[in-house]
Amino acid sequence: MIALNHHHLYYFWVVAKEGGVTKACRKLYLAQPTVSAQIIQLERSLGKKLFEREKKRLVLTDDGRLVLDYAGAIFGMAQELLDAIKDRPTGRTPRIQLGIVDQVSKQVARSLLKEIYRFKPGAQATVLEGTLGPMLAELRTHAADLVLSNVEVPVEEAAEYERALVGKLPVVFVAVPALARKVRAFPADLSAVPLLLPTRASPVWAGVERFLNRRGVEPRIVGEVQDVELLRLLALDGMGAAPIDQWTVAEDLRSGKLKCLGRGGAGIEEAVWLVAKKKHRLNPIAQHLLQRFRLGNGLPPR
């Protein structure tokens, strides 16, 4: 591997940009023999001629133009680094690595992404999905800047992370109109229709179980589904009634494809957090989302 001397590369870059050694010397406050010697040493280390002399002026060779392109990228990035560390604006595309726990409503995730692009229109977001454990591991290794989660961070790990409560989503029992007509008395008549539930891994499951137990409902459970979007699709197919957060089924309720069972709702809420690793300097987009992204009263926008 070539041990590239960045001082030599920098002098070459300045000479090429200024169009000659004399002008470069005035900018660098160095003597002409010093700069010329640096260029010669760079050519020797690369084994390529970078300049040719034509009519008393220096002209870049093909190899010289290639080296100039790379030198511009290297020193441009170095300037961006200095600007970023001193909180000055840079020309670099803002990026964020976002983790989303796979049980979170896709509509909430969509709203989060819309806020990213509203805040930084030219941003590039990379979205990872999975369970909370792997998502926290992504935060620890800095592979993710922020995680959207509806699952509590384990108590023994809580001190490592900064959290912001995004909102609490109302959970409602929904069904297609044909099934909804069978539920005249809510929640007692839930036992008259097939019921789809989230799995025990879902934070909604415990709230649903308490609700059914307190009201003495003995449900006819036909399926337990971890993914909330799949749960919604099965409800739309008429496979059963299901408890789903209002963000996920908002459009289905508006269109009449699904009906809400019980006017008063079930009193179940699903909390959603943004989680970041505690550190001195957060990604600027992540910092904005932690401070500003909220779901208001927990109800989806109309």
C-alpha atoms as a PDB file:
ATOM      1  CA  MET A   1       0.000   0.000   0.000  1.00  0.00           C
ATOM      2  CA  ILE A   2       1.311   3.483  -0.903  1.00  0.00           C
ATOM      3  CA  ALA A   3       2.091   5.661   2.131  1.00  0.00           C
ATOM      4  CA  LEU A   4       0.540   8.828   0.727  1.00  0.00           C
ATOM      5  CA  ASN A   5       1.951  12.041   2.132  1.00  0.00           C
ATOM      6  CA  HIS A   6      -0.999  14.417   2.503  1.00  0.00           C
ATOM      7  CA  HIS A   7       1.273  17.480   2.630  1.00  0.00           C
ATOM      8  CA  HIS A   8       2.596  16.596  -0.821  1.00  0.00           C
ATOM      9  CA  LEU A   9      -0.957  15.980  -2.059  1.00  0.00           C
ATOM     10  CA  TYR A  10      -2.130  19.311  -0.638  1.00  0.00           C
ATOM     11  CA  TYR A  11       0.655  21.265  -2.365  1.00  0.00           C
ATOM     12  CA  PHE A  12      -0.163  19.511  -5.651  1.00  0.00           C
ATOM     13  CA  TRP A  13      -3.863  20.393  -5.178  1.00  0.00           C
ATOM     14  CA  VAL A  14      -3.090  24.063  -4.605  1.00  0.00           C
ATOM     15  CA  VAL A  15      -0.718  24.224  -7.605  1.00  0.00           C
ATOM     16  CA  ALA A  16      -3.347  22.622  -9.857  1.00  0.00           C
ATOM     17  CA  LYS A  17      -6.111  24.941  -8.595  1.00  0.00           C
ATOM     18  CA  GLU A  18      -3.974  28.070  -8.876  1.00  0.00           C
ATOM     19  CA  GLY A  19      -2.703  27.128 -12.320  1.00  0.00           C
ATOM     20  CA  GLY A  20       1.013  27.247 -11.542  1.00  0.00           C
ATOM     21  CA  VAL A  21       3.741  27.050  -8.919  1.00  0.00           C
ATOM     22  CA  THR A  22       4.290  30.820  -8.643  1.00  0.00           C
ATOM     23  CA  LYS A  23       0.672  31.567  -7.728  1.00  0.00           C
ATOM     24  CA  ALA A  24       0.580  28.567  -5.387  1.00  0.00           C
ATOM     25  CA  CYS A  25       3.704  29.819  -3.586  1.00  0.00           C
ATOM     26  CA  ARG A  26       2.036  33.179  -2.893  1.00  0.00           C
ATOM     27  CA  LYS A  27      -0.971  31.386  -1.410  1.00  0.00           C
ATOM     28  CA  LEU A  28       1.094  28.917   0.605  1.00  0.00           C
ATOM     29  CA  TYR A  29       3.724  31.480   1.705  1.00  0.00           C
ATOM     30  CA  LEU A  30       6.457  29.081   0.606  1.00  0.00           C
ATOM     31  CA  ALA A  31       9.475  29.357  -1.678  1.00  0.00           C
ATOM     32  CA  GLN A  32       9.195  27.985  -5.209  1.00  0.00           C
ATOM     33  CA  PRO A  33      11.915  25.308  -4.792  1.00  0.00           C
ATOM     34  CA  THR A  34      10.092  23.963  -1.721  1.00  0.00           C
ATOM     35  CA  VAL A  35       6.763  23.545  -3.526  1.00  0.00           C
ATOM     36  CA  SER A  36       8.392  22.112  -6.656  1.00  0.00           C
ATOM     37  CA  ALA A  37      10.255  19.572  -4.530  1.00  0.00           C
ATOM     38  CA  GLN A  38       7.004  18.484  -2.874  1.00  0.00           C
ATOM     39  CA  ILE A  39       5.363  17.887  -6.271  1.00  0.00           C
ATOM     40  CA  ILE A  40       8.361  15.851  -7.459  1.00  0.00           C
ATOM     41  CA  GLN A  41       8.229  13.697  -4.309  1.00  0.00           C
ATOM     42  CA  LEU A  42       4.482  13.076  -4.834  1.00  0.00           C
ATOM     43  CA  GLU A  43       5.121  12.005  -8.447  1.00  0.00           C
ATOM     44  CA  ARG A  44       7.852   9.635  -7.292  1.00  0.00           C
ATOM     45  CA  SER A  45       5.637   8.077  -4.617  1.00  0.00           C
ATOM     46  CA  LEU A  46       2.804   7.542  -7.130  1.00  0.00           C
ATOM     47  CA  GLY A  47       5.099   6.519  -9.967  1.00  0.00           C
ATOM     48  CA  LYS A  48       3.199   8.844 -12.326  1.00  0.00           C
ATOM     49  CA  LYS A  49       3.869  12.172 -14.007  1.00  0.00           C
ATOM     50  CA  LEU A  50       1.220  14.644 -12.843  1.00  0.00           C
ATOM     51  CA  PHE A  51       2.218  17.763 -14.794  1.00  0.00           C
ATOM     52  CA  GLU A  52       3.658  18.463 -18.208  1.00  0.00           C
ATOM     53  CA  ARG A  53       5.185  21.789 -19.224  1.00  0.00           C
ATOM     54  CA  GLU A  54       3.668  23.378 -22.302  1.00  0.00           C
ATOM     55  CA  LYS A  55       4.859  26.825 -23.435  1.00  0.00           C
ATOM     56  CA  LYS A  56       6.196  27.777 -20.011  1.00  0.00           C
ATOM     57  CA  ARG A  57       3.082  26.680 -18.145  1.00  0.00           C
ATOM     58  CA  LEU A  58       2.115  23.524 -16.265  1.00  0.00           C
ATOM     59  CA  VAL A  59      -0.646  21.322 -17.688  1.00  0.00           C
ATOM     60  CA  LEU A  60      -2.159  18.352 -15.871  1.00  0.00           C
ATOM     61  CA  THR A  61      -1.573  14.917 -17.384  1.00  0.00           C
ATOM     62  CA  ASP A  62      -4.426  12.365 -17.480  1.00  0.00           C
ATOM     63  CA  ASP A  63      -3.042  10.889 -14.257  1.00  0.00           C
ATOM     64  CA  GLY A  64      -2.796  14.387 -12.819  1.00  0.00           C
ATOM     65  CA  ARG A  65      -6.483  15.032 -13.506  1.00  0.00           C
ATOM     66  CA  LEU A  66      -7.382  11.758 -11.779  1.00  0.00           C
ATOM     67  CA  VAL A  67      -5.281  12.650  -8.729  1.00  0.00           C
ATOM     68  CA  LEU A  68      -6.806  16.151  -8.697  1.00  0.00           C
ATOM     69  CA  ASP A  69     -10.337  14.687  -8.545  1.00  0.00           C
ATOM     70  CA  TYR A  70      -9.429  12.550  -5.550  1.00  0.00           C
ATOM     71  CA  ALA A  71      -7.522  15.381  -3.866  1.00  0.00           C
ATOM     72  CA  GLY A  72     -10.565  17.662  -4.222  1.00  0.00           C
ATOM     73  CA  ALA A  73     -12.782  15.037  -2.605  1.00  0.00           C
ATOM     74  CA  ILE A  74     -10.291  14.443   0.226  1.00  0.00           C
ATOM     75  CA  PHE A  75      -9.774  18.108   1.113  1.00  0.00           C
ATOM     76  CA  GLY A  76     -13.420  18.963   0.548  1.00  0.00           C
ATOM     77  CA  MET A  77     -14.386  16.276   3.039  1.00  0.00           C
ATOM     78  CA  ALA A  78     -11.755  17.533   5.476  1.00  0.00           C
ATOM     79  CA  GLN A  79     -13.357  20.982   5.343  1.00  0.00           C
ATOM     80  CA  GLU A  80     -16.795  19.449   5.897  1.00  0.00           C
ATOM     81  CA  LEU A  81     -15.386  17.654   8.933  1.00  0.00           C
ATOM     82  CA  LEU A  82     -14.128  20.934  10.389  1.00  0.00           C
ATOM     83  CA  ASP A  83     -17.457  22.629   9.657  1.00  0.00           C
ATOM     84  CA  ALA A  84     -19.451  19.784  11.215  1.00  0.00           C
ATOM     85  CA  ILE A  85     -17.339  19.599  14.388  1.00  0.00           C
ATOM     86  CA  LYS A  86     -17.763  23.363  14.828  1.00  0.00           C
ATOM     87  CA  ASP A  87     -21.518  23.207  14.057  1.00  0.00           C
ATOM     88  CA  ARG A  88     -21.178  25.195  10.841  1.00  0.00           C
ATOM     89  CA  PRO A  89     -23.380  24.408   7.825  1.00  0.00           C
ATOM     90  CA  THR A  90     -21.887  21.869   5.392  1.00  0.00           C
ATOM     91  CA  GLY A  91     -22.737  20.923   1.837  1.00  0.00           C
ATOM     92  CA  ARG A  92     -22.928  17.267   2.804  1.00  0.00           C
ATOM     93  CA  THR A  93     -26.215  15.376   2.364  1.00  0.00           C
ATOM     94  CA  PRO A  94     -27.760  15.018   5.859  1.00  0.00           C
ATOM     95  CA  ARG A  95     -28.231  11.347   6.762  1.00  0.00           C
ATOM     96  CA  ILE A  96     -29.944   9.403   9.524  1.00  0.00           C
ATOM     97  CA  GLN A  97     -29.949   5.696  10.357  1.00  0.00           C
ATOM     98  CA  LEU A  98     -33.374   4.919  11.799  1.00  0.00           C
ATOM     99  CA  GLY A  99     -34.405   1.723  13.596  1.00  0.00           C
ATOM    100  CA  ILE A 100     -38.093   0.842  13.879  1.00  0.00           C
ATOM    101  CA  VAL A 101     -39.377  -1.899  16.181  1.00  0.00           C
ATOM    102  CA  ASP A 102     -41.446  -4.109  13.894  1.00  0.00           C
ATOM    103  CA  GLN A 103     -44.640  -3.891  15.978  1.00  0.00           C
ATOM    104  CA  VAL A 104     -44.884  -0.100  15.663  1.00  0.00           C
ATOM    105  CA  SER A 105     -47.712   1.230  13.482  1.00  0.00           C
ATOM    106  CA  LYS A 106     -46.455   1.811   9.941  1.00  0.00           C
ATOM    107  CA  GLN A 107     -48.518   5.007   9.905  1.00  0.00           C
ATOM    108  CA  VAL A 108     -46.562   6.367  12.872  1.00  0.00           C
ATOM    109  CA  ALA A 109     -43.302   5.371  11.154  1.00  0.00           C
ATOM    110  CA  ARG A 110     -44.529   7.113   8.008  1.00  0.00           C
ATOM    111  CA  SER A 111     -45.306  10.262   9.990  1.00  0.00           C
ATOM    112  CA  LEU A 112     -41.797  10.178  11.476  1.00  0.00           C
ATOM    113  CA  LEU A 113     -40.205   9.930   8.024  1.00  0.00           C
ATOM    114  CA  LYS A 114     -42.356  12.807   6.769  1.00  0.00           C
ATOM    115  CA  GLU A 115     -41.069  14.924   9.658  1.00  0.00           C
ATOM    116  CA  ILE A 116     -37.469  14.043   8.719  1.00  0.00           C
ATOM    117  CA  TYR A 117     -38.002  15.250   5.140  1.00  0.00           C
ATOM    118  CA  ARG A 118     -39.890  18.324   6.320  1.00  0.00           C
ATOM    119  CA  PHE A 119     -36.998  19.258   8.618  1.00  0.00           C
ATOM    120  CA  LYS A 120     -34.263  18.370   6.085  1.00  0.00           C
ATOM    121  CA  PRO A 121     -35.775  18.173   2.569  1.00  0.00           C
ATOM    122  CA  GLY A 122     -32.600  16.691   1.062  1.00  0.00           C
ATOM    123  CA  ALA A 123     -32.037  14.128   3.810  1.00  0.00           C
ATOM    124  CA  GLN A 124     -31.223  10.477   3.196  1.00  0.00           C
ATOM    125  CA  ALA A 125     -32.856   8.085   5.691  1.00  0.00           C
ATOM    126  CA  THR A 126     -31.914   4.434   6.082  1.00  0.00           C
ATOM    127  CA  VAL A 127     -34.612   2.405   7.847  1.00  0.00           C
ATOM    128  CA  LEU A 128     -33.922  -0.848   9.716  1.00  0.00           C
ATOM    129  CA  GLU A 129     -36.645  -3.038  11.273  1.00  0.00           C
ATOM    130  CA  GLY A 130     -36.571  -5.705  13.957  1.00  0.00           C
ATOM    131  CA  THR A 131     -37.300  -6.445  17.596  1.00  0.00           C
ATOM    132  CA  LEU A 132     -36.137  -4.087  20.337  1.00  0.00           C
ATOM    133  CA  GLY A 133     -33.047  -6.073  21.380  1.00  0.00           C
ATOM    134  CA  PRO A 134     -31.309  -5.956  17.981  1.00  0.00           C
ATOM    135  CA  MET A 135     -32.387  -2.324  17.528  1.00  0.00           C
ATOM    136  CA  LEU A 136     -30.712  -1.351  20.831  1.00  0.00           C
ATOM    137  CA  ALA A 137     -27.600  -3.221  19.668  1.00  0.00           C
ATOM    138  CA  GLU A 138     -27.636  -1.064  16.514  1.00  0.00           C
ATOM    139  CA  LEU A 139     -27.690   2.039  18.748  1.00  0.00           C
ATOM    140  CA  ARG A 140     -24.792   0.773  20.865  1.00  0.00           C
ATOM    141  CA  THR A 141     -22.612   0.197  17.796  1.00  0.00           C
ATOM    142  CA  HIS A 142     -23.729   3.514  16.215  1.00  0.00           C
ATOM    143  CA  ALA A 143     -25.252   1.631  13.254  1.00  0.00           C
ATOM    144  CA  ALA A 144     -28.500   3.460  14.125  1.00  0.00           C
ATOM    145  CA  ASP A 145     -28.955   7.027  15.351  1.00  0.00           C
ATOM    146  CA  LEU A 146     -32.485   6.640  16.661  1.00  0.00           C
ATOM    147  CA  VAL A 147     -35.058   3.902  17.323  1.00  0.00           C
ATOM    148  CA  LEU A 148     -38.851   4.207  17.198  1.00  0.00           C
ATOM    149  CA  SER A 149     -40.301   1.724  19.682  1.00  0.00           C
ATOM    150  CA  ASN A 150     -43.561   0.726  21.331  1.00  0.00           C
ATOM    151  CA  VAL A 151     -41.670  -1.542  23.736  1.00  0.00           C
ATOM    152  CA  GLU A 152     -40.116  -0.274  26.976  1.00  0.00           C
ATOM    153  CA  VAL A 153     -36.325  -0.306  27.240  1.00  0.00           C
ATOM    154  CA  PRO A 154     -35.367  -2.903  29.882  1.00  0.00           C
ATOM    155  CA  VAL A 155     -34.848  -1.302  33.306  1.00  0.00           C
ATOM    156  CA  GLU A 156     -31.289  -2.618  33.588  1.00  0.00           C
ATOM    157  CA  GLU A 157     -30.339  -0.835  30.345  1.00  0.00           C
ATOM    158  CA  ALA A 158     -32.398   2.353  30.722  1.00  0.00           C
ATOM    159  CA  ALA A 159     -29.491   4.480  32.020  1.00  0.00           C
ATOM    160  CA  GLU A 160     -27.652   4.028  28.693  1.00  0.00           C
ATOM    161  CA  TYR A 161     -30.391   5.646  26.625  1.00  0.00           C
ATOM    162  CA  GLU A 162     -32.181   8.932  26.148  1.00  0.00           C
ATOM    163  CA  ARG A 163     -35.928   8.561  25.564  1.00  0.00           C
ATOM    164  CA  ALA A 164     -38.766  10.806  24.456  1.00  0.00           C
ATOM    165  CA  LEU A 165     -42.425   9.824  24.657  1.00  0.00           C
ATOM    166  CA  VAL A 166     -43.857  10.435  21.175  1.00  0.00           C
ATOM    167  CA  GLY A 167     -47.446   9.739  22.108  1.00  0.00           C
ATOM    168  CA  LYS A 168     -50.017   7.246  23.356  1.00  0.00           C
ATOM    169  CA  LEU A 169     -52.125   5.627  20.647  1.00  0.00           C
ATOM    170  CA  PRO A 170     -55.734   4.665  21.466  1.00  0.00           C
ATOM    171  CA  VAL A 171     -56.369   0.974  20.752  1.00  0.00           C
ATOM    172  CA  VAL A 172     -59.834   0.076  19.402  1.00  0.00           C
ATOM    173  CA  PHE A 173     -61.560  -3.176  18.527  1.00  0.00           C
ATOM    174  CA  VAL A 174     -62.416  -3.217  14.806  1.00  0.00           C
ATOM    175  CA  ALA A 175     -64.153  -5.569  12.397  1.00  0.00           C
ATOM    176  CA  VAL A 176     -65.611  -5.585   8.916  1.00  0.00           C
ATOM    177  CA  PRO A 177     -69.255  -4.369   8.801  1.00  0.00           C
ATOM    178  CA  ALA A 178     -70.704  -7.905   8.578  1.00  0.00           C
ATOM    179  CA  LEU A 179     -68.990  -8.948  11.817  1.00  0.00           C
ATOM    180  CA  ALA A 180     -69.522  -5.579  13.491  1.00  0.00           C
ATOM    181  CA  ARG A 181     -73.323  -6.003  13.179  1.00  0.00           C
ATOM    182  CA  LYS A 182     -73.080  -9.071  15.426  1.00  0.00           C
ATOM    183  CA  VAL A 183     -71.549  -7.002  18.239  1.00  0.00           C
ATOM    184  CA  ARG A 184     -74.590  -5.133  19.477  1.00  0.00           C
ATOM    185  CA  ALA A 185     -73.519  -5.022  23.120  1.00  0.00           C
ATOM    186  CA  PHE A 186     -69.849  -4.160  23.540  1.00  0.00           C
ATOM    187  CA  PRO A 187     -67.789  -5.783  24.885  1.00  0.00           C
ATOM    188  CA  ALA A 188     -70.060  -8.691  25.898  1.00  0.00           C
ATOM    189  CA  ASP A 189     -70.802  -9.684  22.282  1.00  0.00           C
ATOM    190  CA  LEU A 190     -67.101 -10.014  21.446  1.00  0.00           C
ATOM    191  CA  SER A 191     -67.555 -13.667  22.410  1.00  0.00           C
ATOM    192  CA  ALA A 192     -69.997 -13.969  19.480  1.00  0.00           C
ATOM    193  CA  VAL A 193     -67.360 -13.257  16.831  1.00  0.00           C
ATOM    194  CA  PRO A 194     -63.917 -14.730  16.074  1.00  0.00           C
ATOM    195  CA  LEU A 195     -61.149 -12.669  17.634  1.00  0.00           C
ATOM    196  CA  LEU A 196     -57.649 -11.946  16.350  1.00  0.00           C
ATOM    197  CA  LEU A 197     -55.147 -10.825  18.968  1.00  0.00           C
ATOM    198  CA  PRO A 198     -51.557  -9.533  19.013  1.00  0.00           C
ATOM    199  CA  THR A 199     -49.021 -11.980  20.421  1.00  0.00           C
ATOM    200  CA  ARG A 200     -47.806 -11.862  24.011  1.00  0.00           C
ATOM    201  CA  ALA A 201     -44.680 -10.081  22.766  1.00  0.00           C
ATOM    202  CA  SER A 202     -46.834  -7.062  21.905  1.00  0.00           C
ATOM    203  CA  PRO A 203     -47.195  -4.331  24.550  1.00  0.00           C
ATOM    204  CA  VAL A 204     -50.905  -4.209  23.606  1.00  0.00           C
ATOM    205  CA  TRP A 205     -51.536  -7.840  24.605  1.00  0.00           C
ATOM    206  CA  ALA A 206     -51.513  -7.279  28.379  1.00  0.00           C
ATOM    207  CA  GLY A 207     -53.938  -4.365  28.111  1.00  0.00           C
ATOM    208  CA  VAL A 208     -56.331  -6.419  25.953  1.00  0.00           C
ATOM    209  CA  GLU A 209     -56.175  -9.371  28.349  1.00  0.00           C
ATOM    210  CA  ARG A 210     -56.987  -7.148  31.347  1.00  0.00           C
ATOM    211  CA  PHE A 211     -59.868  -5.528  29.462  1.00  0.00           C
ATOM    212  CA  LEU A 212     -61.434  -8.874  28.507  1.00  0.00           C
ATOM    213  CA  ASN A 213     -60.945 -10.396  31.969  1.00  0.00           C
ATOM    214  CA  ARG A 214     -62.462  -7.429  33.818  1.00  0.00           C
ATOM    215  CA  ARG A 215     -65.579  -7.587  31.659  1.00  0.00           C
ATOM    216  CA  GLY A 216     -65.910 -11.358  31.847  1.00  0.00           C
ATOM    217  CA  VAL A 217     -65.548 -11.855  28.099  1.00  0.00           C
ATOM    218  CA  GLU A 218     -64.543 -15.352  27.010  1.00  0.00           C
ATOM    219  CA  PRO A 219     -63.205 -14.748  23.483  1.00  0.00           C
ATOM    220  CA  ARG A 220     -63.066 -17.238  20.641  1.00  0.00           C
ATOM    221  CA  ILE A 221     -59.462 -16.597  19.607  1.00  0.00           C
ATOM    222  CA  VAL A 222     -58.721 -17.692  16.049  1.00  0.00           C
ATOM    223  CA  GLY A 223     -55.218 -16.269  15.720  1.00  0.00           C
ATOM    224  CA  GLU A 224     -52.385 -14.362  17.407  1.00  0.00           C
ATOM    225  CA  VAL A 225     -50.348 -12.136  15.099  1.00  0.00           C
ATOM    226  CA  GLN A 226     -47.235 -10.136  15.980  1.00  0.00           C
ATOM    227  CA  ASP A 227     -47.147  -7.793  12.970  1.00  0.00           C
ATOM    228  CA  VAL A 228     -49.793  -5.077  13.315  1.00  0.00           C
ATOM    229  CA  GLU A 229     -50.087  -4.588   9.555  1.00  0.00           C
ATOM    230  CA  LEU A 230     -50.802  -8.286   9.016  1.00  0.00           C
ATOM    231  CA  LEU A 231     -53.340  -8.135  11.857  1.00  0.00           C
ATOM    232  CA  ARG A 232     -55.071  -5.266  10.024  1.00  0.00           C
ATOM    233  CA  LEU A 233     -55.135  -7.174   6.717  1.00  0.00           C
ATOM    234  CA  LEU A 234     -56.668 -10.240   8.357  1.00  0.00           C
ATOM    235  CA  ALA A 235     -59.329  -8.033   9.958  1.00  0.00           C
ATOM    236  CA  LEU A 236     -60.054  -6.525   6.518  1.00  0.00           C
ATOM    237  CA  ASP A 237     -60.442 -10.048   5.134  1.00  0.00           C
ATOM    238  CA  GLY A 238     -63.167 -10.669   7.715  1.00  0.00           C
ATOM    239  CA  MET A 239     -61.156 -13.297   9.591  1.00  0.00           C
ATOM    240  CA  GLY A 240     -62.152 -11.771  12.919  1.00  0.00           C
ATOM    241  CA  ALA A 241     -62.404  -8.685  15.067  1.00  0.00           C
ATOM    242  CA  ALA A 242     -59.090  -7.291  16.298  1.00  0.00           C
ATOM    243  CA  PRO A 243     -57.699  -4.698  18.756  1.00  0.00           C
ATOM    244  CA  ILE A 244     -55.538  -2.315  16.694  1.00  0.00           C
ATOM    245  CA  ASP A 245     -54.230   1.191  17.318  1.00  0.00           C
ATOM    246  CA  GLN A 246     -56.219   3.963  15.639  1.00  0.00           C
ATOM    247  CA  TRP A 247     -53.257   5.181  13.581  1.00  0.00           C
ATOM    248  CA  THR A 248     -53.039   1.848  11.766  1.00  0.00           C
ATOM    249  CA  VAL A 249     -56.763   1.621  10.923  1.00  0.00           C
ATOM    250  CA  ALA A 250     -57.595   5.337  10.548  1.00  0.00           C
ATOM    251  CA  GLU A 251     -58.123   5.221   6.778  1.00  0.00           C
ATOM    252  CA  ASP A 252     -60.086   1.947   6.973  1.00  0.00           C
ATOM    253  CA  LEU A 253     -62.432   3.493   9.545  1.00  0.00           C
ATOM    254  CA  ARG A 254     -62.913   6.614   7.407  1.00  0.00           C
ATOM    255  CA  SER A 255     -63.688   4.562   4.307  1.00  0.00           C
ATOM    256  CA  GLY A 256     -66.057   2.234   6.178  1.00  0.00           C
ATOM    257  CA  LYS A 257     -64.051  -0.906   5.369  1.00  0.00           C
ATOM    258  CA  LEU A 258     -63.721  -1.450   9.121  1.00  0.00           C
ATOM    259  CA  LYS A 259     -66.069  -0.453  11.926  1.00  0.00           C
ATOM    260  CA  CYS A 260     -65.119   0.496  15.463  1.00  0.00           C
ATOM    261  CA  LEU A 261     -66.790  -1.734  18.060  1.00  0.00           C
ATOM    262  CA  GLY A 262     -68.051   0.181  21.082  1.00  0.00           C
ATOM    263  CA  ARG A 263     -68.446   3.931  21.103  1.00  0.00           C
ATOM    264  CA  GLY A 264     -66.486   4.434  24.305  1.00  0.00           C
ATOM    265  CA  GLY A 265     -63.519   2.408  23.119  1.00  0.00           C
ATOM    266  CA  ALA A 266     -61.630  -0.030  25.290  1.00  0.00           C
ATOM    267  CA  GLY A 267     -59.516   2.420  27.282  1.00  0.00           C
ATOM    268  CA  ILE A 268     -56.327   0.715  26.056  1.00  0.00           C
ATOM    269  CA  GLU A 269     -53.376   2.827  24.929  1.00  0.00           C
ATOM    270  CA  GLU A 270     -50.118   1.962  23.217  1.00  0.00           C
ATOM    271  CA  ALA A 271     -47.158   4.181  24.136  1.00  0.00           C
ATOM    272  CA  VAL A 272     -44.519   4.983  21.488  1.00  0.00           C
ATOM    273  CA  TRP A 273     -41.022   6.308  22.236  1.00  0.00           C
ATOM    274  CA  LEU A 274     -37.984   7.560  20.403  1.00  0.00           C
ATOM    275  CA  VAL A 275     -34.797   6.086  21.865  1.00  0.00           C
ATOM    276  CA  ALA A 276     -31.208   7.281  21.367  1.00  0.00           C
ATOM    277  CA  LYS A 277     -27.883   6.303  22.895  1.00  0.00           C
ATOM    278  CA  LYS A 278     -26.728   8.840  25.442  1.00  0.00           C
ATOM    279  CA  LYS A 279     -23.677  10.598  23.993  1.00  0.00           C
ATOM    280  CA  HIS A 280     -22.108  14.021  23.717  1.00  0.00           C
ATOM    281  CA  ARG A 281     -23.093  14.735  20.126  1.00  0.00           C
ATOM    282  CA  LEU A 282     -26.266  13.401  18.515  1.00  0.00           C
ATOM    283  CA  ASN A 283     -27.046  13.332  14.815  1.00  0.00           C
ATOM    284  CA  PRO A 284     -28.757  16.744  14.204  1.00  0.00           C
ATOM    285  CA  ILE A 285     -31.852  15.106  12.677  1.00  0.00           C
ATOM    286  CA  ALA A 286     -32.105  12.672  15.603  1.00  0.00           C
ATOM    287  CA  GLN A 287     -31.768  15.579  18.037  1.00  0.00           C
ATOM    288  CA  HIS A 288     -34.607  17.444  16.282  1.00  0.00           C
ATOM    289  CA  LEU A 289     -36.889  14.401  16.358  1.00  0.00           C
ATOM    290  CA  LEU A 290     -36.214  13.734  20.045  1.00  0.00           C
ATOM    291  CA  GLN A 291     -37.117  17.299  20.888  1.00  0.00           C
ATOM    292  CA  ARG A 292     -39.947  17.998  18.438  1.00  0.00           C
ATOM    293  CA  PHE A 293     -41.629  14.888  17.032  1.00  0.00           C
ATOM    294  CA  ARG A 294     -44.890  14.252  18.920  1.00  0.00           C
ATOM    295  CA  LEU A 295     -48.228  12.708  18.001  1.00  0.00           C
ATOM    296  CA  GLY A 296     -50.334  15.396  19.704  1.00  0.00           C
ATOM    297  CA  ASN A 297     -53.381  13.856  21.370  1.00  0.00           C
ATOM    298  CA  GLY A 298     -52.473  10.410  20.052  1.00  0.00           C
ATOM    299  CA  LEU A 299     -55.117  10.493  17.303  1.00  0.00           C
ATOM    300  CA  PRO A 300     -54.128  10.299  13.625  1.00  0.00           C
ATOM    301  CA  PRO A 301     -54.503  13.443  11.480  1.00  0.00           C
ATOM    302  CA  ARG A 302     -57.693  13.612   9.429  1.00  0.00           C
END
